[in-house]
N, C-alpha and C. Protein backbone atom coordinates (compact mmCIF):
# COMPACT_ATOMS: atom_id res chain seq x y z
N MET A 1 0.85 -1.19 0.00
CA MET A 1 0.00 0.00 0.00
C MET A 1 0.88 1.24 0.00
N ALA A 2 0.65 2.14 -0.93
CA ALA A 2 1.42 3.38 -1.02
C ALA A 2 0.76 4.46 -0.17
N PHE A 3 1.59 5.26 0.46
CA PHE A 3 1.14 6.36 1.31
C PHE A 3 1.50 7.68 0.64
N GLU A 4 0.58 8.63 0.67
CA GLU A 4 0.88 9.94 0.11
C GLU A 4 1.92 10.63 0.99
N ALA A 5 2.96 11.17 0.38
CA ALA A 5 4.10 11.75 1.09
C ALA A 5 3.67 12.83 2.08
N PHE A 6 4.30 12.79 3.24
CA PHE A 6 4.18 13.81 4.28
C PHE A 6 2.76 13.95 4.84
N THR A 7 2.04 12.84 4.89
CA THR A 7 0.71 12.80 5.51
C THR A 7 0.83 12.05 6.84
N GLU A 8 -0.25 12.05 7.60
CA GLU A 8 -0.27 11.34 8.88
C GLU A 8 0.05 9.85 8.69
N GLU A 9 -0.57 9.23 7.72
CA GLU A 9 -0.36 7.80 7.47
C GLU A 9 1.08 7.53 7.06
N TRP A 10 1.63 8.40 6.22
CA TRP A 10 3.02 8.26 5.79
C TRP A 10 3.95 8.38 7.00
N ALA A 11 3.70 9.37 7.85
CA ALA A 11 4.54 9.58 9.04
C ALA A 11 4.53 8.36 9.94
N LYS A 12 3.37 7.75 10.14
CA LYS A 12 3.26 6.56 11.01
C LYS A 12 4.05 5.39 10.41
N GLU A 13 3.97 5.21 9.11
CA GLU A 13 4.72 4.14 8.45
C GLU A 13 6.22 4.42 8.54
N TYR A 14 6.60 5.67 8.39
CA TYR A 14 8.00 6.08 8.50
C TYR A 14 8.52 5.77 9.91
N GLN A 15 7.75 6.10 10.93
CA GLN A 15 8.13 5.81 12.31
C GLN A 15 8.36 4.31 12.50
N LYS A 16 7.44 3.53 12.01
CA LYS A 16 7.56 2.07 12.12
C LYS A 16 8.86 1.59 11.47
N LYS A 17 9.13 2.08 10.27
CA LYS A 17 10.33 1.65 9.54
C LYS A 17 11.61 2.14 10.24
N LEU A 18 11.60 3.36 10.77
CA LEU A 18 12.76 3.85 11.51
C LEU A 18 13.05 2.96 12.71
N ASN A 19 12.01 2.63 13.46
CA ASN A 19 12.20 1.84 14.66
C ASN A 19 12.58 0.39 14.36
N GLU A 20 12.39 -0.06 13.13
CA GLU A 20 12.78 -1.40 12.71
C GLU A 20 14.18 -1.42 12.09
N ASN A 21 14.80 -0.26 11.93
CA ASN A 21 16.07 -0.15 11.21
C ASN A 21 17.25 -0.14 12.19
N PRO A 22 18.00 -1.26 12.30
CA PRO A 22 19.12 -1.30 13.23
C PRO A 22 20.25 -0.34 12.86
N GLN A 23 20.42 -0.05 11.56
CA GLN A 23 21.46 0.91 11.16
C GLN A 23 21.11 2.32 11.66
N TYR A 24 19.82 2.68 11.57
CA TYR A 24 19.42 3.99 12.11
C TYR A 24 19.64 4.01 13.62
N ARG A 25 19.19 2.97 14.30
CA ARG A 25 19.32 2.91 15.77
C ARG A 25 20.77 3.13 16.18
N GLN A 26 21.70 2.48 15.49
CA GLN A 26 23.12 2.61 15.81
C GLN A 26 23.65 4.01 15.47
N ALA A 27 23.34 4.50 14.28
CA ALA A 27 23.87 5.79 13.82
C ALA A 27 23.33 6.97 14.62
N ALA A 28 22.15 6.83 15.19
CA ALA A 28 21.48 7.96 15.86
C ALA A 28 21.56 7.89 17.38
N GLN A 29 22.53 7.16 17.91
CA GLN A 29 22.64 7.00 19.37
C GLN A 29 22.80 8.33 20.11
N THR A 30 23.35 9.35 19.46
CA THR A 30 23.54 10.63 20.14
C THR A 30 22.58 11.71 19.67
N TRP A 31 21.64 11.37 18.79
CA TRP A 31 20.67 12.35 18.27
C TRP A 31 19.52 12.44 19.27
N GLU A 32 19.27 13.65 19.71
CA GLU A 32 18.17 13.88 20.65
C GLU A 32 17.37 15.08 20.20
N GLY A 33 16.07 14.93 20.13
CA GLY A 33 15.20 16.06 19.89
C GLY A 33 14.39 15.97 18.62
N PRO A 34 13.34 16.75 18.59
CA PRO A 34 12.43 16.73 17.43
C PRO A 34 13.02 17.43 16.21
N ILE A 35 12.53 16.99 15.08
CA ILE A 35 12.86 17.61 13.81
C ILE A 35 11.57 17.67 12.98
N VAL A 36 11.42 18.73 12.22
CA VAL A 36 10.28 18.87 11.32
C VAL A 36 10.81 18.94 9.90
N PHE A 37 10.25 18.08 9.04
CA PHE A 37 10.53 18.13 7.61
C PHE A 37 9.32 18.75 6.92
N MET A 38 9.58 19.67 6.01
CA MET A 38 8.50 20.36 5.32
C MET A 38 8.70 20.28 3.82
N VAL A 39 7.61 19.99 3.12
CA VAL A 39 7.63 20.09 1.66
C VAL A 39 6.77 21.30 1.31
N GLU A 40 7.33 22.19 0.51
CA GLU A 40 6.64 23.43 0.15
C GLU A 40 5.56 23.16 -0.89
N LYS A 41 4.49 23.91 -0.80
CA LYS A 41 3.40 23.73 -1.76
C LYS A 41 3.89 24.05 -3.16
N ASP A 42 3.28 23.36 -4.11
CA ASP A 42 3.59 23.58 -5.52
C ASP A 42 2.38 23.14 -6.33
N PRO A 43 1.44 24.07 -6.59
CA PRO A 43 0.23 23.70 -7.33
C PRO A 43 0.52 23.08 -8.69
N ALA A 44 1.68 23.38 -9.29
CA ALA A 44 2.02 22.83 -10.59
C ALA A 44 2.14 21.31 -10.56
N VAL A 45 2.43 20.74 -9.38
CA VAL A 45 2.55 19.29 -9.25
C VAL A 45 1.42 18.70 -8.41
N GLY A 46 0.39 19.51 -8.14
CA GLY A 46 -0.77 19.01 -7.41
C GLY A 46 -0.67 19.11 -5.91
N LEU A 47 0.32 19.83 -5.40
CA LEU A 47 0.46 20.02 -3.96
C LEU A 47 0.00 21.43 -3.62
N GLU A 48 -1.22 21.51 -3.11
CA GLU A 48 -1.88 22.81 -2.93
C GLU A 48 -1.52 23.51 -1.62
N GLU A 49 -0.85 22.79 -0.70
CA GLU A 49 -0.48 23.42 0.57
C GLU A 49 0.82 22.83 1.08
N ASP A 50 1.52 23.59 1.92
CA ASP A 50 2.72 23.08 2.57
C ASP A 50 2.33 21.87 3.41
N ARG A 51 3.25 20.93 3.52
CA ARG A 51 3.04 19.78 4.41
C ARG A 51 4.27 19.62 5.29
N TRP A 52 4.02 19.27 6.54
CA TRP A 52 5.10 19.05 7.49
C TRP A 52 4.91 17.71 8.16
N ILE A 53 6.03 17.08 8.51
CA ILE A 53 5.97 15.94 9.41
C ILE A 53 6.89 16.23 10.59
N TYR A 54 6.46 15.78 11.73
CA TYR A 54 7.17 15.97 13.00
C TYR A 54 7.71 14.62 13.43
N LEU A 55 8.99 14.58 13.73
CA LEU A 55 9.63 13.37 14.23
C LEU A 55 10.27 13.67 15.58
N ASP A 56 9.89 12.93 16.60
CA ASP A 56 10.51 13.04 17.91
C ASP A 56 11.58 11.96 17.98
N LEU A 57 12.81 12.36 17.78
CA LEU A 57 13.94 11.43 17.70
C LEU A 57 14.69 11.42 19.02
N TRP A 58 14.96 10.23 19.53
CA TRP A 58 15.65 10.13 20.81
C TRP A 58 16.58 8.93 20.82
N ARG A 59 17.87 9.20 20.62
CA ARG A 59 18.93 8.20 20.75
C ARG A 59 18.64 6.90 19.99
N GLY A 60 18.30 7.04 18.74
CA GLY A 60 18.11 5.87 17.88
C GLY A 60 16.68 5.36 17.82
N GLU A 61 15.78 6.05 18.47
CA GLU A 61 14.37 5.68 18.45
C GLU A 61 13.54 6.86 17.97
N CYS A 62 12.53 6.57 17.18
CA CYS A 62 11.57 7.60 16.81
C CYS A 62 10.38 7.40 17.75
N ARG A 63 10.27 8.29 18.73
CA ARG A 63 9.21 8.13 19.74
C ARG A 63 7.86 8.56 19.23
N GLN A 64 7.85 9.45 18.25
CA GLN A 64 6.58 9.90 17.68
C GLN A 64 6.84 10.42 16.28
N ALA A 65 5.91 10.15 15.38
CA ALA A 65 5.93 10.71 14.03
C ALA A 65 4.49 11.01 13.65
N ARG A 66 4.28 12.20 13.11
CA ARG A 66 2.90 12.59 12.76
C ARG A 66 2.95 13.74 11.79
N ALA A 67 1.80 13.96 11.15
CA ALA A 67 1.66 15.18 10.38
C ALA A 67 1.82 16.32 11.38
N SER A 68 2.57 17.29 11.02
CA SER A 68 2.94 18.34 11.94
C SER A 68 1.88 19.44 12.03
N LEU A 69 1.88 20.08 13.17
CA LEU A 69 1.03 21.24 13.41
C LEU A 69 1.88 22.50 13.25
N ARG A 70 1.24 23.61 12.98
CA ARG A 70 1.99 24.88 12.86
C ARG A 70 2.81 25.17 14.11
N GLU A 71 2.27 24.80 15.27
CA GLU A 71 2.99 25.05 16.53
C GLU A 71 4.33 24.32 16.55
N ASP A 72 4.40 23.19 15.87
CA ASP A 72 5.65 22.43 15.83
C ASP A 72 6.76 23.22 15.14
N LEU A 73 6.40 24.06 14.20
CA LEU A 73 7.40 24.88 13.52
C LEU A 73 8.07 25.83 14.50
N GLU A 74 7.31 26.24 15.53
CA GLU A 74 7.84 27.13 16.55
C GLU A 74 8.66 26.36 17.59
N SER A 75 8.17 25.20 18.00
CA SER A 75 8.77 24.50 19.13
C SER A 75 9.91 23.55 18.75
N ALA A 76 9.91 23.01 17.56
CA ALA A 76 10.97 22.07 17.18
C ALA A 76 12.29 22.81 17.01
N PRO A 77 13.38 22.25 17.53
CA PRO A 77 14.67 22.92 17.39
C PRO A 77 15.22 22.89 15.97
N THR A 78 14.75 21.94 15.15
CA THR A 78 15.25 21.83 13.79
C THR A 78 14.09 21.72 12.81
N VAL A 79 14.09 22.59 11.81
CA VAL A 79 13.09 22.56 10.75
C VAL A 79 13.83 22.64 9.42
N ILE A 80 13.54 21.66 8.56
CA ILE A 80 14.17 21.59 7.25
C ILE A 80 13.07 21.57 6.19
N CYS A 81 13.21 22.42 5.18
CA CYS A 81 12.19 22.45 4.13
C CYS A 81 12.83 22.40 2.76
N GLY A 82 12.00 21.97 1.81
CA GLY A 82 12.45 21.91 0.43
C GLY A 82 11.25 21.83 -0.50
N ASP A 83 11.52 22.01 -1.77
CA ASP A 83 10.44 21.94 -2.75
C ASP A 83 10.20 20.47 -3.14
N PRO A 84 9.06 20.18 -3.75
CA PRO A 84 8.75 18.79 -4.11
C PRO A 84 9.81 18.10 -4.98
N PRO A 85 10.37 18.76 -6.01
CA PRO A 85 11.39 18.05 -6.81
C PRO A 85 12.61 17.64 -5.99
N THR A 86 13.03 18.47 -5.04
CA THR A 86 14.19 18.13 -4.21
C THR A 86 13.88 16.93 -3.33
N TRP A 87 12.70 16.94 -2.68
CA TRP A 87 12.33 15.79 -1.84
C TRP A 87 12.24 14.53 -2.68
N LYS A 88 11.69 14.64 -3.87
CA LYS A 88 11.57 13.45 -4.73
C LYS A 88 12.96 12.91 -5.06
N GLN A 89 13.89 13.78 -5.38
CA GLN A 89 15.24 13.33 -5.69
C GLN A 89 15.90 12.69 -4.46
N LEU A 90 15.62 13.22 -3.29
CA LEU A 90 16.14 12.60 -2.06
C LEU A 90 15.53 11.21 -1.88
N PHE A 91 14.21 11.10 -2.02
CA PHE A 91 13.53 9.80 -1.87
C PHE A 91 14.03 8.80 -2.91
N ASP A 92 14.36 9.28 -4.10
CA ASP A 92 14.82 8.41 -5.18
C ASP A 92 16.31 8.05 -5.04
N GLY A 93 16.98 8.63 -4.02
CA GLY A 93 18.39 8.34 -3.80
C GLY A 93 19.33 9.09 -4.72
N GLN A 94 18.82 10.10 -5.43
CA GLN A 94 19.65 10.88 -6.36
C GLN A 94 20.44 11.98 -5.65
N LEU A 95 20.00 12.34 -4.43
CA LEU A 95 20.68 13.36 -3.64
C LEU A 95 20.99 12.80 -2.26
N GLU A 96 22.01 13.35 -1.63
CA GLU A 96 22.40 12.98 -0.27
C GLU A 96 21.95 14.12 0.65
N PRO A 97 21.36 13.80 1.82
CA PRO A 97 20.72 14.84 2.64
C PRO A 97 21.62 15.98 3.10
N ILE A 98 22.77 15.70 3.68
CA ILE A 98 23.60 16.78 4.23
C ILE A 98 24.16 17.67 3.13
N SER A 99 24.68 17.07 2.05
CA SER A 99 25.21 17.92 0.97
C SER A 99 24.10 18.73 0.31
N THR A 100 22.89 18.18 0.26
CA THR A 100 21.75 18.93 -0.30
C THR A 100 21.44 20.13 0.58
N LEU A 101 21.55 19.96 1.88
CA LEU A 101 21.38 21.09 2.82
C LEU A 101 22.49 22.11 2.61
N MET A 102 23.71 21.64 2.53
CA MET A 102 24.85 22.56 2.42
C MET A 102 24.81 23.35 1.11
N ARG A 103 24.24 22.76 0.08
CA ARG A 103 24.13 23.45 -1.21
C ARG A 103 22.89 24.34 -1.29
N GLY A 104 22.04 24.29 -0.27
CA GLY A 104 20.87 25.16 -0.23
C GLY A 104 19.64 24.65 -0.95
N ARG A 105 19.69 23.42 -1.44
CA ARG A 105 18.49 22.87 -2.09
C ARG A 105 17.45 22.48 -1.06
N LEU A 106 17.91 22.03 0.09
CA LEU A 106 17.06 21.94 1.28
C LEU A 106 17.47 23.12 2.14
N LYS A 107 16.50 23.70 2.83
CA LYS A 107 16.80 24.87 3.65
C LYS A 107 16.67 24.52 5.13
N LEU A 108 17.68 24.90 5.89
CA LEU A 108 17.63 24.77 7.33
C LEU A 108 16.93 26.03 7.83
N VAL A 109 15.62 25.94 8.01
CA VAL A 109 14.82 27.09 8.42
C VAL A 109 15.12 27.43 9.86
N LYS A 110 15.39 26.40 10.64
CA LYS A 110 15.65 26.58 12.07
C LYS A 110 16.56 25.44 12.50
N GLY A 111 17.59 25.77 13.25
CA GLY A 111 18.47 24.73 13.75
C GLY A 111 19.93 25.08 13.55
N ASN A 112 20.78 24.10 13.82
CA ASN A 112 22.21 24.29 13.83
C ASN A 112 22.86 23.35 12.82
N MET A 113 23.46 23.91 11.79
CA MET A 113 24.09 23.10 10.74
C MET A 113 25.23 22.26 11.31
N ALA A 114 26.01 22.81 12.24
CA ALA A 114 27.12 22.05 12.81
C ALA A 114 26.60 20.81 13.53
N GLU A 115 25.49 20.93 14.21
CA GLU A 115 24.92 19.77 14.90
C GLU A 115 24.47 18.71 13.89
N LEU A 116 23.83 19.15 12.81
CA LEU A 116 23.38 18.20 11.78
C LEU A 116 24.56 17.51 11.11
N THR A 117 25.62 18.24 10.82
CA THR A 117 26.77 17.62 10.17
C THR A 117 27.46 16.64 11.10
N GLY A 118 27.25 16.79 12.39
CA GLY A 118 27.76 15.82 13.35
C GLY A 118 26.98 14.52 13.36
N HIS A 119 25.87 14.49 12.65
CA HIS A 119 25.00 13.31 12.59
C HIS A 119 24.79 12.86 11.14
N VAL A 120 25.85 12.90 10.35
CA VAL A 120 25.73 12.57 8.93
C VAL A 120 25.17 11.17 8.73
N GLN A 121 25.71 10.19 9.43
CA GLN A 121 25.24 8.81 9.23
C GLN A 121 23.78 8.66 9.65
N ALA A 122 23.39 9.32 10.73
CA ALA A 122 22.00 9.25 11.17
C ALA A 122 21.09 9.91 10.12
N ALA A 123 21.52 11.06 9.57
CA ALA A 123 20.72 11.73 8.54
C ALA A 123 20.60 10.86 7.30
N GLN A 124 21.67 10.18 6.94
CA GLN A 124 21.62 9.29 5.79
C GLN A 124 20.65 8.14 6.05
N GLN A 125 20.66 7.60 7.26
CA GLN A 125 19.74 6.52 7.59
C GLN A 125 18.30 7.02 7.65
N LEU A 126 18.10 8.26 8.09
CA LEU A 126 16.74 8.84 8.05
C LEU A 126 16.22 8.82 6.62
N MET A 127 17.07 9.22 5.67
CA MET A 127 16.63 9.28 4.28
C MET A 127 16.49 7.89 3.68
N LYS A 128 17.45 7.01 3.96
CA LYS A 128 17.36 5.65 3.44
C LYS A 128 16.08 4.96 3.94
N THR A 129 15.72 5.25 5.17
CA THR A 129 14.51 4.65 5.73
C THR A 129 13.28 5.26 5.08
N ALA A 130 13.29 6.56 4.83
CA ALA A 130 12.15 7.20 4.14
C ALA A 130 11.95 6.56 2.77
N MET A 131 13.05 6.18 2.13
CA MET A 131 12.97 5.56 0.81
C MET A 131 12.31 4.19 0.87
N LYS A 132 12.28 3.57 2.05
CA LYS A 132 11.66 2.25 2.21
C LYS A 132 10.15 2.33 2.40
N VAL A 133 9.64 3.53 2.67
CA VAL A 133 8.20 3.71 2.80
C VAL A 133 7.63 3.78 1.38
N GLU A 134 6.68 2.94 1.10
CA GLU A 134 6.05 2.97 -0.22
C GLU A 134 5.29 4.29 -0.32
N THR A 135 5.80 5.18 -1.17
CA THR A 135 5.33 6.57 -1.19
C THR A 135 4.68 6.91 -2.51
N GLU A 136 3.54 7.55 -2.40
CA GLU A 136 2.83 8.09 -3.56
C GLU A 136 3.23 9.56 -3.67
N ILE A 137 3.85 9.88 -4.77
CA ILE A 137 4.32 11.25 -5.00
C ILE A 137 3.26 12.00 -5.79
N PRO A 138 2.99 13.29 -5.44
CA PRO A 138 2.02 14.05 -6.22
C PRO A 138 2.32 14.03 -7.70
N GLU A 139 1.30 13.98 -8.50
CA GLU A 139 1.42 13.93 -9.97
C GLU A 139 2.33 15.06 -10.46
N GLY A 140 3.19 14.74 -11.39
CA GLY A 140 4.05 15.75 -11.97
C GLY A 140 5.44 15.74 -11.43
N LEU A 141 5.68 15.05 -10.34
CA LEU A 141 7.05 15.00 -9.80
C LEU A 141 7.86 13.93 -10.48
C-alpha cells in the first residue's frame, strides 16, 4: 500500500520503519530532539499546501511521528524544508541529505548546521529509511 508523502499515514509508516532499522538505531545514538521536515506547496505538481511531518527522535528511536502542526514549527529545534522536486530526488536516492542542505536545495529554516553535520550517518539513515516507505508522489514529480 502506497502512502501519500508527508501525511499522517506516511509519518506513522515512517516511524515504524525507523524503529525497525538497526542501522538507524546505531547511527542515531547521540541524536536527541524533534525535527520537522516540510515540503513546500507547488500547485504545478498538485500540492496545494505546505506539508510538514514531525519526528521526535531520541537516541536511535523515533518516539513519535505525525503530520505536523503549525505550533511544531515554533517548538521544534530543527526545521528543514524543500520543494517537491528536491524531496523526490532525495527519496529516489539521487541526492544525499547533508550535501543537499549545504548546497541550499534543502533549507535549514531553524536549527544548527554544525549539529546536523555531526550526525551525517543518522541523517543518511533517516533518508534511506524514508525511501523504504512505499510513497505516492504528487502527480508531476
